[in-house]
Amino acid sequence: SVFSFELDYQIVQKATSHNIIKYQQVDLDTAVLKGKNILIVEDNRTTQMVTNKILEKDDALCTIAENGQEALDALKTNVYDLILMDVNMPVMNGLEATKLIKRDHHVPIIALTAVEIAEMRQNILDAGMNDIIIKPYDVKTFKQVIIKNIQDQKNL
């Protein structure tokens, strides 16, 4: 048997070049993370632990909330430089929590999601999130997105 097929990569190339343009400009200056208060809103304990360890290696100060409601509660008593927000969680999902947070706070919120489809991307941006990180993530890209958003917030 002989099998053949053709693949057209135009869509993938556009998405890849968009990401390269967006994050290539940010140097990986992890000193930016030192002392930054970051809220990790994630219901999966493994993801919580991995994300926390990655950020703590660069001296970021991390707090963990297991759902959107816990994130809202944490914001009543703490100020954060950045929020990493899972999209799908019990009690209150990340989209709903983001809409409520953005009413009163100007903190950058980055979506953490395992789903990358155009409709989900638009829902994430419509909710007020500043950026998206697709799980599982590459650590270098993960840090670049976080650093870019912290620096963008500082420049406002």
C-alpha atoms as a PDB file:
ATOM      1  CA  SER A   1       0.000   0.000   0.000  1.00  0.00           C
ATOM      2  CA  VAL A   2       1.088   3.549  -0.689  1.00  0.00           C
ATOM      3  CA  PHE A   3      -0.369   6.471   1.231  1.00  0.00           C
ATOM      4  CA  SER A   4       0.157  10.139   0.564  1.00  0.00           C
ATOM      5  CA  PHE A   5      -1.272  13.396   1.745  1.00  0.00           C
ATOM      6  CA  GLU A   6      -0.614  17.127   1.661  1.00  0.00           C
ATOM      7  CA  LEU A   7      -0.645  19.541   4.567  1.00  0.00           C
ATOM      8  CA  ASP A   8      -1.152  23.265   4.249  1.00  0.00           C
ATOM      9  CA  TYR A   9       0.587  25.064   7.128  1.00  0.00           C
ATOM     10  CA  GLN A  10      -0.512  28.624   6.403  1.00  0.00           C
ATOM     11  CA  ILE A  11      -2.729  28.906   9.489  1.00  0.00           C
ATOM     12  CA  VAL A  12      -0.106  27.391  11.774  1.00  0.00           C
ATOM     13  CA  GLN A  13       2.569  29.667  10.327  1.00  0.00           C
ATOM     14  CA  LYS A  14       0.425  32.738  10.988  1.00  0.00           C
ATOM     15  CA  ALA A  15      -0.194  31.728  14.600  1.00  0.00           C
ATOM     16  CA  THR A  16       3.470  30.906  15.146  1.00  0.00           C
ATOM     17  CA  SER A  17       4.731  34.137  13.601  1.00  0.00           C
ATOM     18  CA  HIS A  18       2.223  36.100  15.724  1.00  0.00           C
ATOM     19  CA  ASN A  19       3.547  34.522  18.907  1.00  0.00           C
ATOM     20  CA  ILE A  20       7.170  35.060  17.883  1.00  0.00           C
ATOM     21  CA  ILE A  21       6.564  38.735  17.132  1.00  0.00           C
ATOM     22  CA  LYS A  22       4.703  39.207  20.392  1.00  0.00           C
ATOM     23  CA  TYR A  23       7.228  37.558  22.711  1.00  0.00           C
ATOM     24  CA  GLN A  24      10.516  37.864  20.872  1.00  0.00           C
ATOM     25  CA  GLN A  25      10.789  41.499  21.973  1.00  0.00           C
ATOM     26  CA  VAL A  26      10.844  40.596  25.673  1.00  0.00           C
ATOM     27  CA  ASP A  27      14.226  39.681  27.089  1.00  0.00           C
ATOM     28  CA  LEU A  28      14.078  36.919  29.643  1.00  0.00           C
ATOM     29  CA  ASP A  29      15.088  39.208  32.504  1.00  0.00           C
ATOM     30  CA  THR A  30      13.836  37.091  35.379  1.00  0.00           C
ATOM     31  CA  ALA A  31      14.987  39.777  37.849  1.00  0.00           C
ATOM     32  CA  VAL A  32      11.640  41.421  37.015  1.00  0.00           C
ATOM     33  CA  LEU A  33       9.939  38.607  38.947  1.00  0.00           C
ATOM     34  CA  LYS A  34      11.873  39.189  42.172  1.00  0.00           C
ATOM     35  CA  GLY A  35       9.503  40.239  44.953  1.00  0.00           C
ATOM     36  CA  LYS A  36       6.446  40.316  42.678  1.00  0.00           C
ATOM     37  CA  ASN A  37       3.206  39.121  44.273  1.00  0.00           C
ATOM     38  CA  ILE A  38       1.572  36.629  41.926  1.00  0.00           C
ATOM     39  CA  LEU A  39      -1.783  34.979  42.527  1.00  0.00           C
ATOM     40  CA  ILE A  40      -2.057  31.515  41.010  1.00  0.00           C
ATOM     41  CA  VAL A  41      -5.726  30.595  40.550  1.00  0.00           C
ATOM     42  CA  GLU A  42      -5.763  26.909  39.668  1.00  0.00           C
ATOM     43  CA  ASP A  43      -7.768  23.915  40.895  1.00  0.00           C
ATOM     44  CA  ASN A  44      -5.258  21.246  39.849  1.00  0.00           C
ATOM     45  CA  ARG A  45      -2.767  20.637  42.673  1.00  0.00           C
ATOM     46  CA  THR A  46       0.005  19.434  40.365  1.00  0.00           C
ATOM     47  CA  THR A  47      -0.260  22.543  38.199  1.00  0.00           C
ATOM     48  CA  GLN A  48      -0.359  24.692  41.351  1.00  0.00           C
ATOM     49  CA  MET A  49       2.831  23.124  42.649  1.00  0.00           C
ATOM     50  CA  VAL A  50       4.729  23.233  39.334  1.00  0.00           C
ATOM     51  CA  THR A  51       3.734  26.842  38.596  1.00  0.00           C
ATOM     52  CA  ASN A  52       4.591  27.911  42.135  1.00  0.00           C
ATOM     53  CA  LYS A  53       8.045  26.262  42.003  1.00  0.00           C
ATOM     54  CA  ILE A  54       8.895  27.813  38.625  1.00  0.00           C
ATOM     55  CA  LEU A  55       8.059  31.302  39.872  1.00  0.00           C
ATOM     56  CA  GLU A  56       9.643  30.916  43.309  1.00  0.00           C
ATOM     57  CA  LYS A  57      12.968  30.015  41.652  1.00  0.00           C
ATOM     58  CA  ASP A  58      13.029  33.642  40.480  1.00  0.00           C
ATOM     59  CA  ASP A  59      12.010  34.941  43.935  1.00  0.00           C
ATOM     60  CA  ALA A  60       8.390  35.719  43.068  1.00  0.00           C
ATOM     61  CA  LEU A  61       5.982  35.598  46.004  1.00  0.00           C
ATOM     62  CA  CYS A  62       3.110  33.273  45.134  1.00  0.00           C
ATOM     63  CA  THR A  63      -0.311  32.770  46.651  1.00  0.00           C
ATOM     64  CA  ILE A  64      -2.588  29.950  45.524  1.00  0.00           C
ATOM     65  CA  ALA A  65      -6.359  30.109  45.161  1.00  0.00           C
ATOM     66  CA  GLU A  66      -8.268  27.004  44.073  1.00  0.00           C
ATOM     67  CA  ASN A  67     -11.098  28.781  42.250  1.00  0.00           C
ATOM     68  CA  GLY A  68     -12.364  32.173  41.175  1.00  0.00           C
ATOM     69  CA  GLN A  69     -14.187  32.847  44.434  1.00  0.00           C
ATOM     70  CA  GLU A  70     -11.009  32.262  46.449  1.00  0.00           C
ATOM     71  CA  ALA A  71      -9.231  34.686  44.094  1.00  0.00           C
ATOM     72  CA  LEU A  72     -11.834  37.375  44.774  1.00  0.00           C
ATOM     73  CA  ASP A  73     -11.473  36.762  48.514  1.00  0.00           C
ATOM     74  CA  ALA A  74      -7.665  37.010  48.281  1.00  0.00           C
ATOM     75  CA  LEU A  75      -7.936  40.370  46.486  1.00  0.00           C
ATOM     76  CA  LYS A  76      -9.863  41.813  49.441  1.00  0.00           C
ATOM     77  CA  THR A  77      -6.776  41.644  51.647  1.00  0.00           C
ATOM     78  CA  ASN A  78      -3.817  41.526  49.239  1.00  0.00           C
ATOM     79  CA  VAL A  79      -2.436  43.430  46.266  1.00  0.00           C
ATOM     80  CA  TYR A  80      -1.017  41.387  43.384  1.00  0.00           C
ATOM     81  CA  ASP A  81       1.275  42.358  40.540  1.00  0.00           C
ATOM     82  CA  LEU A  82      -0.180  39.639  38.302  1.00  0.00           C
ATOM     83  CA  ILE A  83      -2.807  36.895  38.359  1.00  0.00           C
ATOM     84  CA  LEU A  84      -2.459  33.545  36.577  1.00  0.00           C
ATOM     85  CA  MET A  85      -6.047  32.369  36.081  1.00  0.00           C
ATOM     86  CA  ASP A  86      -7.155  28.892  35.074  1.00  0.00           C
ATOM     87  CA  VAL A  87     -10.233  29.111  32.875  1.00  0.00           C
ATOM     88  CA  ASN A  88     -12.141  25.972  33.925  1.00  0.00           C
ATOM     89  CA  MET A  89     -12.581  25.588  37.695  1.00  0.00           C
ATOM     90  CA  PRO A  90     -15.328  24.596  40.092  1.00  0.00           C
ATOM     91  CA  VAL A  91     -17.263  27.114  42.236  1.00  0.00           C
ATOM     92  CA  MET A  92     -16.408  30.076  39.956  1.00  0.00           C
ATOM     93  CA  ASN A  93     -14.619  29.761  36.623  1.00  0.00           C
ATOM     94  CA  GLY A  94     -11.810  32.022  35.488  1.00  0.00           C
ATOM     95  CA  LEU A  95     -13.862  34.005  32.984  1.00  0.00           C
ATOM     96  CA  GLU A  96     -16.477  34.982  35.553  1.00  0.00           C
ATOM     97  CA  ALA A  97     -13.843  35.774  38.185  1.00  0.00           C
ATOM     98  CA  THR A  98     -11.888  37.936  35.731  1.00  0.00           C
ATOM     99  CA  LYS A  99     -14.949  40.019  34.850  1.00  0.00           C
ATOM    100  CA  LEU A 100     -15.545  40.704  38.556  1.00  0.00           C
ATOM    101  CA  ILE A 101     -11.874  41.428  39.296  1.00  0.00           C
ATOM    102  CA  LYS A 102     -11.517  43.857  36.379  1.00  0.00           C
ATOM    103  CA  ARG A 103     -14.362  46.016  37.766  1.00  0.00           C
ATOM    104  CA  ASP A 104     -12.190  47.153  40.679  1.00  0.00           C
ATOM    105  CA  HIS A 105      -8.601  46.194  39.897  1.00  0.00           C
ATOM    106  CA  HIS A 106      -6.146  46.963  37.104  1.00  0.00           C
ATOM    107  CA  VAL A 107      -3.957  43.917  37.688  1.00  0.00           C
ATOM    108  CA  PRO A 108      -2.877  41.960  34.593  1.00  0.00           C
ATOM    109  CA  ILE A 109      -4.603  38.580  34.363  1.00  0.00           C
ATOM    110  CA  ILE A 110      -3.166  35.793  32.233  1.00  0.00           C
ATOM    111  CA  ALA A 111      -5.370  32.863  31.264  1.00  0.00           C
ATOM    112  CA  LEU A 112      -4.004  29.369  31.864  1.00  0.00           C
ATOM    113  CA  THR A 113      -5.880  26.962  29.644  1.00  0.00           C
ATOM    114  CA  ALA A 114      -5.426  23.591  28.010  1.00  0.00           C
ATOM    115  CA  VAL A 115      -7.948  24.530  25.304  1.00  0.00           C
ATOM    116  CA  GLU A 116      -6.733  26.572  22.344  1.00  0.00           C
ATOM    117  CA  ILE A 117      -9.565  27.281  19.975  1.00  0.00           C
ATOM    118  CA  ALA A 118     -10.492  30.596  18.411  1.00  0.00           C
ATOM    119  CA  GLU A 119     -13.823  30.778  20.252  1.00  0.00           C
ATOM    120  CA  MET A 120     -12.180  30.185  23.651  1.00  0.00           C
ATOM    121  CA  ARG A 121      -9.476  32.762  22.867  1.00  0.00           C
ATOM    122  CA  GLN A 122     -12.143  35.366  22.110  1.00  0.00           C
ATOM    123  CA  ASN A 123     -14.067  34.515  25.306  1.00  0.00           C
ATOM    124  CA  ILE A 124     -10.853  34.883  27.323  1.00  0.00           C
ATOM    125  CA  LEU A 125     -10.067  38.291  25.835  1.00  0.00           C
ATOM    126  CA  ASP A 126     -13.701  39.433  26.125  1.00  0.00           C
ATOM    127  CA  ALA A 127     -13.634  38.590  29.842  1.00  0.00           C
ATOM    128  CA  GLY A 128     -10.785  41.086  30.244  1.00  0.00           C
ATOM    129  CA  MET A 129      -7.776  38.802  30.478  1.00  0.00           C
ATOM    130  CA  ASN A 130      -4.581  40.349  29.166  1.00  0.00           C
ATOM    131  CA  ASP A 131      -2.896  37.277  27.723  1.00  0.00           C
ATOM    132  CA  ILE A 132      -3.083  33.497  27.347  1.00  0.00           C
ATOM    133  CA  ILE A 133      -0.715  30.674  28.246  1.00  0.00           C
ATOM    134  CA  ILE A 134      -1.573  27.254  26.839  1.00  0.00           C
ATOM    135  CA  LYS A 135      -0.967  24.263  29.137  1.00  0.00           C
ATOM    136  CA  PRO A 136       1.275  22.393  29.136  1.00  0.00           C
ATOM    137  CA  TYR A 137       3.563  25.357  28.716  1.00  0.00           C
ATOM    138  CA  ASP A 138       7.189  25.842  27.821  1.00  0.00           C
ATOM    139  CA  VAL A 139       8.887  27.416  30.875  1.00  0.00           C
ATOM    140  CA  LYS A 140      10.755  30.057  28.861  1.00  0.00           C
ATOM    141  CA  THR A 141       7.619  31.188  27.024  1.00  0.00           C
ATOM    142  CA  PHE A 142       5.669  31.053  30.303  1.00  0.00           C
ATOM    143  CA  LYS A 143       8.149  33.431  31.942  1.00  0.00           C
ATOM    144  CA  GLN A 144       8.282  35.702  28.877  1.00  0.00           C
ATOM    145  CA  VAL A 145       4.510  36.165  28.912  1.00  0.00           C
ATOM    146  CA  ILE A 146       4.507  36.930  32.639  1.00  0.00           C
ATOM    147  CA  ILE A 147       7.446  39.359  32.409  1.00  0.00           C
ATOM    148  CA  LYS A 148       5.908  41.127  29.410  1.00  0.00           C
ATOM    149  CA  ASN A 149       2.618  41.648  31.241  1.00  0.00           C
ATOM    150  CA  ILE A 150       4.289  42.884  34.435  1.00  0.00           C
ATOM    151  CA  GLN A 151       6.402  45.332  32.418  1.00  0.00           C
ATOM    152  CA  ASP A 152       3.386  46.475  30.372  1.00  0.00           C
ATOM    153  CA  GLN A 153       1.472  47.183  33.600  1.00  0.00           C
ATOM    154  CA  LYS A 154       4.413  49.135  35.009  1.00  0.00           C
ATOM    155  CA  ASN A 155       4.541  51.285  31.854  1.00  0.00           C
ATOM    156  CA  LEU A 156       0.883  52.355  32.114  1.00  0.00           C
END
